[in-house]
């Protein structure tokens, strides 16, 4: 009796299933299983939506004791508190400098544009990069009237470990702090570049930087921009890898880790972390672009302030003197 009842229940379940299938087949509707939503493509490096993160902060704990991490030797430039010997320290560590120490009225009273001071917040010595709106020029070149420069860099005289050849990878780390009330214009104000070194015949494709960090005025405020410029043979032109509200940076120390494989199909990664709260202000992972320059004898970094003062200095009156702070430069060939 019990087996008969079980058999009846099984037949009834089968009849119900067949009835449902017949009903669906005869109707105008069908059951569809939705496709899973595609995951965001990795490696595009396109943070052009002002680096938005849907209101969620990407926070990581920052251990200042990890900075710097290059123990010694070429590639490490850390302020030592000996302000008077700052330029000697820069060149001794394999870097070079381009400053407007004798431009304009500085000709009669030279002014050293890279100095050192002590930062109580970082609890270490730091570098100060000075620029004067109404005085300074670009390396004392009298024919250049639309820009001014105060930078350090690596170049052809630097150790091979601080300049990349094709296919090589450099990892660069440093900290910087922009002035709290920094004034910008809609023209450029570069604070970091990756650029090629020209060859002996002057024919290398190095007139434009490959990567640039710039602070700029835009409609509605100020932005921190990360810009990539393709090689000339690929058309050049700015491609924005990131745009972030500059207010996130002003008056704040940030730590930067930038890693580049300099190749025709290279890679670029960047993390900029605000030290006060550990928030990642910029994060880029980019693959497959042409991160090389035809004819160059090497790719190298530059830091400081390189800004437009307008045609024949037309913007000088709208700008102000600034002091940008930098600390703990490191270059490591991987």
Protein backbone atom coordinates (compact mmCIF):
# COMPACT_ATOMS: atom_id res chain seq x y z
CA UNK A 1 0.00 0.00 0.00
CA UNK A 2 2.84 2.34 0.95
CA UNK A 3 4.67 1.69 -2.38
CA UNK A 4 1.45 2.36 -4.34
CA UNK A 5 1.01 5.75 -2.63
CA UNK A 6 4.62 6.69 -3.37
CA UNK A 7 4.16 5.76 -7.04
CA UNK A 8 1.04 7.92 -7.27
CA UNK A 9 2.91 10.94 -5.80
CA UNK A 10 5.75 10.54 -8.33
CA UNK A 11 3.29 10.32 -11.26
CA UNK A 12 1.46 13.43 -10.01
CA UNK A 13 4.77 15.43 -9.84
CA UNK A 14 5.62 14.30 -13.39
CA UNK A 15 2.18 15.37 -14.71
CA UNK A 16 2.55 18.83 -13.07
CA UNK A 17 5.98 19.34 -14.64
CA UNK A 18 4.70 18.34 -18.12
CA UNK A 19 1.75 20.71 -17.73
CA UNK A 20 4.02 23.64 -16.86
CA UNK A 21 6.31 22.97 -19.84
CA UNK A 22 3.28 22.75 -22.18
CA UNK A 23 1.94 26.06 -20.82
CA UNK A 24 5.22 27.86 -21.41
CA UNK A 25 5.63 26.46 -24.89
CA UNK A 26 2.18 27.68 -25.88
CA UNK A 27 2.57 31.15 -24.40
CA UNK A 28 4.22 34.28 -25.87
CA UNK A 29 6.78 34.45 -23.07
CA UNK A 30 9.94 32.58 -22.31
CA UNK A 31 12.21 32.23 -19.32
CA UNK A 32 15.60 33.93 -19.81
CA UNK A 33 18.64 33.57 -17.61
CA UNK A 34 20.36 36.97 -17.46
CA UNK A 35 23.98 37.18 -18.56
CA UNK A 36 26.41 38.14 -15.79
CA UNK A 37 27.47 41.80 -15.91
CA UNK A 38 30.94 42.19 -17.46
CA UNK A 39 33.73 43.12 -15.08
CA UNK A 40 35.51 46.44 -15.71
CA UNK A 41 38.39 46.06 -18.10
CA UNK A 42 41.72 46.05 -16.32
CA UNK A 43 44.73 48.06 -17.37
CA UNK A 44 42.92 50.83 -19.23
CA UNK A 45 44.39 53.49 -16.97
CA UNK A 46 41.41 55.72 -17.73
CA UNK A 47 40.45 57.56 -14.57
CA UNK A 48 39.10 60.52 -16.53
CA UNK A 49 35.92 60.73 -14.42
CA UNK A 50 37.87 62.73 -11.86
CA UNK A 51 39.07 59.48 -10.28
CA UNK A 52 35.62 58.82 -8.80
CA UNK A 53 35.16 55.85 -6.49
CA UNK A 54 31.39 55.96 -5.85
CA UNK A 55 31.94 57.66 -2.52
CA UNK A 56 34.04 54.83 -1.10
CA UNK A 57 37.46 55.84 0.09
CA UNK A 58 40.33 53.51 -0.70
CA UNK A 59 42.17 53.69 2.60
CA UNK A 60 45.41 51.94 3.44
CA UNK A 61 47.60 52.28 6.49
CA UNK A 62 50.77 54.20 5.67
CA UNK A 63 53.90 53.39 7.63
CA UNK A 64 56.27 56.34 7.37
CA UNK A 65 59.13 54.14 8.52
CA UNK A 66 59.02 52.42 5.13
CA UNK A 67 60.11 55.67 3.48
CA UNK A 68 62.78 55.74 2.16
CA UNK A 69 63.47 52.09 1.45
CA UNK A 70 66.57 52.34 -0.78
CA UNK A 71 69.32 51.92 1.78
CA UNK A 72 72.20 53.76 0.16
CA UNK A 73 73.99 54.68 -3.03
CA UNK A 74 72.86 56.27 -6.27
CA UNK A 75 69.14 56.77 -6.66
CA UNK A 76 68.50 57.88 -3.07
CA UNK A 77 68.26 61.62 -2.42
CA UNK A 78 67.25 62.46 1.15
CA UNK A 79 67.66 65.90 2.72
CA UNK A 80 70.43 65.82 5.33
CA UNK A 81 69.90 69.20 7.01
CA UNK A 82 73.07 70.76 5.55
CA UNK A 83 71.23 73.52 3.70
CA UNK A 84 74.30 75.34 2.38
CA UNK A 85 75.48 72.17 0.60
CA UNK A 86 72.13 71.24 -0.93
CA UNK A 87 73.32 71.43 -4.55
CA UNK A 88 76.38 69.36 -3.70
CA UNK A 89 74.13 66.72 -2.15
CA UNK A 90 71.93 66.65 -5.27
CA UNK A 91 74.80 66.10 -7.69
CA UNK A 92 76.64 63.69 -5.39
CA UNK A 93 73.61 61.40 -5.46
CA UNK A 94 73.51 61.28 -9.27
CA UNK A 95 70.92 64.01 -9.90
CA UNK A 96 71.27 67.39 -11.59
CA UNK A 97 69.40 70.68 -11.18
CA UNK A 98 68.12 73.54 -13.32
CA UNK A 99 67.38 76.65 -11.28
CA UNK A 100 66.79 80.37 -11.99
CA UNK A 101 69.29 81.45 -9.31
CA UNK A 102 70.58 84.42 -11.31
CA UNK A 103 67.55 85.41 -13.35
CA UNK A 104 66.13 88.95 -13.28
CA UNK A 105 66.98 90.82 -10.11
CA UNK A 106 68.68 87.66 -8.79
CA UNK A 107 71.61 88.59 -11.07
CA UNK A 108 72.84 91.15 -8.54
CA UNK A 109 71.74 89.12 -5.52
CA UNK A 110 71.75 85.42 -6.43
CA UNK A 111 69.03 83.35 -4.71
CA UNK A 112 69.36 79.62 -4.15
CA UNK A 113 66.03 78.16 -5.30
CA UNK A 114 66.37 74.71 -3.67
CA UNK A 115 66.85 74.82 0.08
CA UNK A 116 66.37 72.50 3.04
CA UNK A 117 64.29 72.74 6.20
CA UNK A 118 62.95 70.44 8.89
CA UNK A 119 59.37 69.14 8.74
CA UNK A 120 57.94 68.46 12.23
CA UNK A 121 55.03 66.60 10.62
CA UNK A 122 57.27 64.18 8.74
CA UNK A 123 59.92 64.32 11.49
CA UNK A 124 62.71 64.63 8.93
CA UNK A 125 64.56 67.10 6.73
CA UNK A 126 62.94 68.07 3.43
CA UNK A 127 63.63 70.04 0.26
CA UNK A 128 61.98 73.38 -0.55
CA UNK A 129 61.60 74.36 -4.23
CA UNK A 130 61.10 78.14 -4.56
CA UNK A 131 59.65 80.02 -7.53
CA UNK A 132 59.12 83.79 -7.84
CA UNK A 133 56.27 84.93 -10.08
CA UNK A 134 57.71 88.26 -11.18
CA UNK A 135 61.41 87.37 -11.33
CA UNK A 136 62.25 83.81 -12.30
CA UNK A 137 62.75 82.51 -15.84
CA UNK A 138 63.72 79.26 -17.57
CA UNK A 139 67.42 78.51 -17.01
CA UNK A 140 68.42 82.11 -17.74
CA UNK A 141 67.49 81.81 -21.42
CA UNK A 142 66.57 85.33 -22.49
CA UNK A 143 64.65 84.12 -25.56
CA UNK A 144 62.19 82.14 -23.40
CA UNK A 145 59.68 84.57 -21.92
CA UNK A 146 56.59 82.44 -21.35
CA UNK A 147 57.70 79.99 -18.63
CA UNK A 148 59.85 79.48 -15.54
CA UNK A 149 61.58 76.42 -14.14
CA UNK A 150 63.10 75.12 -10.92
CA UNK A 151 63.74 71.37 -11.21
CA UNK A 152 65.97 68.44 -10.38
CA UNK A 153 66.39 65.53 -12.78
CA UNK A 154 68.56 62.66 -13.90
CA UNK A 155 70.41 62.98 -17.20
CA UNK A 156 73.18 61.55 -19.35
CA UNK A 157 75.70 62.07 -16.53
CA UNK A 158 73.68 60.11 -14.00
CA UNK A 159 74.53 56.48 -13.13
CA UNK A 160 73.00 53.90 -15.48
CA UNK A 161 70.81 52.70 -12.61
CA UNK A 162 68.95 56.05 -12.67
CA UNK A 163 68.21 56.20 -16.43
CA UNK A 164 66.16 53.60 -18.32
CA UNK A 165 67.06 52.04 -21.64
CA UNK A 166 64.49 50.35 -23.86
CA UNK A 167 62.90 47.39 -22.11
CA UNK A 168 64.12 48.40 -18.65
CA UNK A 169 61.95 49.15 -15.61
CA UNK A 170 62.38 51.97 -13.12
CA UNK A 171 60.49 52.32 -9.86
CA UNK A 172 60.47 55.86 -8.48
CA UNK A 173 59.28 56.87 -5.02
CA UNK A 174 59.02 60.28 -3.39
CA UNK A 175 56.85 62.56 -1.28
CA UNK A 176 55.60 66.06 -1.99
CA UNK A 177 53.37 68.74 -0.52
CA UNK A 178 51.74 71.51 -2.56
CA UNK A 179 51.10 74.91 -0.92
CA UNK A 180 47.73 75.15 0.81
CA UNK A 181 46.67 78.24 -1.18
CA UNK A 182 48.52 77.36 -4.40
CA UNK A 183 47.56 79.55 -7.37
CA UNK A 184 47.13 77.92 -10.78
CA UNK A 185 46.04 79.03 -14.25
CA UNK A 186 44.53 77.13 -17.17
CA UNK A 187 48.06 76.89 -18.55
CA UNK A 188 50.52 74.26 -17.34
CA UNK A 189 52.17 73.99 -13.94
CA UNK A 190 54.17 70.75 -14.02
CA UNK A 191 55.56 69.20 -10.85
CA UNK A 192 56.86 65.92 -12.32
CA UNK A 193 57.75 64.58 -15.77
CA UNK A 194 59.14 61.46 -17.40
CA UNK A 195 61.08 62.58 -20.44
CA UNK A 196 63.66 61.34 -22.94
CA UNK A 197 67.27 62.46 -23.24
CA UNK A 198 68.26 63.79 -26.67
CA UNK A 199 70.92 62.09 -28.78
CA UNK A 200 74.15 63.68 -30.04
CA UNK A 201 72.58 64.70 -33.35
CA UNK A 202 69.56 66.30 -31.68
CA UNK A 203 67.09 64.13 -33.59
CA UNK A 204 65.47 62.12 -30.78
CA UNK A 205 61.72 62.41 -30.20
CA UNK A 206 62.08 64.15 -26.83
CA UNK A 207 60.48 67.56 -27.26
CA UNK A 208 57.39 66.46 -25.31
CA UNK A 209 57.34 64.63 -21.96
CA UNK A 210 55.90 61.12 -21.89
CA UNK A 211 54.22 61.42 -18.46
CA UNK A 212 53.38 64.65 -16.66
CA UNK A 213 51.87 65.57 -13.30
CA UNK A 214 50.40 69.05 -13.58
CA UNK A 215 48.26 71.37 -11.46
CA UNK A 216 45.77 73.36 -13.53
CA UNK A 217 42.73 75.61 -13.27
CA UNK A 218 39.63 74.17 -14.96
CA UNK A 219 35.99 75.15 -15.15
CA UNK A 220 34.73 74.98 -11.60
CA UNK A 221 38.03 74.73 -9.76
CA UNK A 222 41.51 73.22 -9.84
CA UNK A 223 42.72 69.77 -10.89
CA UNK A 224 45.68 67.50 -10.42
CA UNK A 225 46.20 65.78 -13.77
CA UNK A 226 48.29 62.82 -14.91
CA UNK A 227 48.91 63.16 -18.64
CA UNK A 228 50.36 60.70 -21.16
CA UNK A 229 51.65 61.94 -24.53
CA UNK A 230 52.21 59.28 -27.23
CA UNK A 231 55.28 59.44 -29.48
CA UNK A 232 55.23 61.88 -32.37
CA UNK A 233 54.90 59.04 -34.91
CA UNK A 234 51.65 58.06 -33.18
CA UNK A 235 50.18 61.53 -33.32
CA UNK A 236 51.12 62.97 -29.92
CA UNK A 237 48.44 64.88 -28.03
CA UNK A 238 47.40 64.74 -24.37
CA UNK A 239 45.72 61.61 -23.02
CA UNK A 240 44.51 62.03 -19.44
CA UNK A 241 45.17 59.03 -17.22
CA UNK A 242 43.74 60.72 -14.13
CA UNK A 243 42.01 63.93 -13.07
CA UNK A 244 41.56 64.63 -9.35
CA UNK A 245 40.30 67.66 -7.48
CA UNK A 246 43.43 69.57 -6.46
CA UNK A 247 41.93 70.35 -3.05
CA UNK A 248 42.66 66.73 -2.11
CA UNK A 249 46.39 67.60 -2.34
CA UNK A 250 46.76 71.18 -1.16
CA UNK A 251 48.59 71.49 2.13
CA UNK A 252 48.92 67.70 2.43
CA UNK A 253 51.95 65.44 2.26
CA UNK A 254 51.47 62.62 -0.25
CA UNK A 255 53.64 59.60 -1.05
CA UNK A 256 54.15 58.46 -4.64
CA UNK A 257 55.18 55.11 -6.09
CA UNK A 258 55.57 55.17 -9.87
CA UNK A 259 56.77 52.15 -11.86
CA UNK A 260 57.39 52.14 -15.60
CA UNK A 261 58.62 49.57 -18.09
CA UNK A 262 59.99 51.76 -20.88
CA UNK A 263 59.12 49.77 -24.00
CA UNK A 264 57.02 50.08 -27.15
CA UNK A 265 54.49 47.86 -25.39
CA UNK A 266 55.32 48.96 -21.89
CA UNK A 267 53.52 49.26 -18.57
CA UNK A 268 52.81 52.14 -16.22
CA UNK A 269 51.59 52.00 -12.63
CA UNK A 270 51.06 54.81 -10.16
CA UNK A 271 49.82 55.06 -6.58
CA UNK A 272 49.55 58.43 -4.82
CA UNK A 273 48.64 58.14 -1.13
CA UNK A 274 47.77 60.99 1.22
CA UNK A 275 49.76 60.43 4.39
CA UNK A 276 47.41 62.12 6.85
CA UNK A 277 44.68 59.51 6.40
CA UNK A 278 46.08 56.86 4.04
CA UNK A 279 43.60 57.66 1.28
CA UNK A 280 44.67 56.69 -2.24
CA UNK A 281 44.18 59.82 -4.32
CA UNK A 282 45.34 58.26 -7.59
CA UNK A 283 45.76 54.64 -8.69
CA UNK A 284 46.63 53.71 -12.27
CA UNK A 285 47.50 50.39 -13.90
CA UNK A 286 48.14 50.82 -17.60
CA UNK A 287 49.51 48.30 -20.10
CA UNK A 288 50.27 48.19 -23.79
CA UNK A 289 51.02 51.83 -24.56
CA UNK A 290 54.21 52.96 -26.26
CA UNK A 291 56.34 54.09 -23.32
CA UNK A 292 59.48 54.69 -25.36
CA UNK A 293 60.82 57.53 -27.51
CA UNK A 294 62.55 56.98 -30.86
CA UNK A 295 66.21 57.98 -30.86
CA UNK A 296 66.44 58.79 -27.15
CA UNK A 297 69.56 57.79 -25.24
CA UNK A 298 67.49 57.10 -22.13
CA UNK A 299 64.29 57.91 -20.26
CA UNK A 300 64.50 59.76 -16.95
CA UNK A 301 62.42 61.57 -14.28
CA UNK A 302 62.22 65.28 -13.37
CA UNK A 303 60.69 67.00 -10.30
CA UNK A 304 60.07 70.56 -9.16
CA UNK A 305 57.97 73.36 -10.59
CA UNK A 306 57.87 74.22 -14.31
CA UNK A 307 55.04 76.62 -15.04
CA UNK A 308 53.69 78.92 -17.71
CA UNK A 309 53.73 82.66 -17.08
CA UNK A 310 51.80 83.37 -20.29
CA UNK A 311 52.91 84.89 -23.57
CA UNK A 312 55.62 87.47 -22.77
CA UNK A 313 54.82 87.05 -19.07
CA UNK A 314 51.16 88.05 -19.37
CA UNK A 315 50.16 85.80 -16.43
CA UNK A 316 52.85 86.89 -13.98
CA UNK A 317 50.52 89.36 -12.23
CA UNK A 318 47.94 86.60 -11.57
CA UNK A 319 50.48 84.19 -10.09
CA UNK A 320 52.25 84.34 -6.76
CA UNK A 321 55.54 83.16 -5.28
CA UNK A 322 55.28 79.50 -4.29
CA UNK A 323 57.30 77.01 -2.24
CA UNK A 324 56.74 73.33 -3.12
CA UNK A 325 58.02 70.73 -0.67
CA UNK A 326 59.64 67.42 -1.66
CA UNK A 327 61.27 64.61 0.32
CA UNK A 328 62.88 61.18 0.02
CA UNK A 329 63.54 60.74 -3.70
CA UNK A 330 64.31 57.19 -4.77
CA UNK A 331 65.04 55.59 -8.14
CA UNK A 332 65.47 51.85 -8.36
CA UNK A 333 66.06 49.84 -11.53
CA UNK A 334 64.14 46.57 -11.39
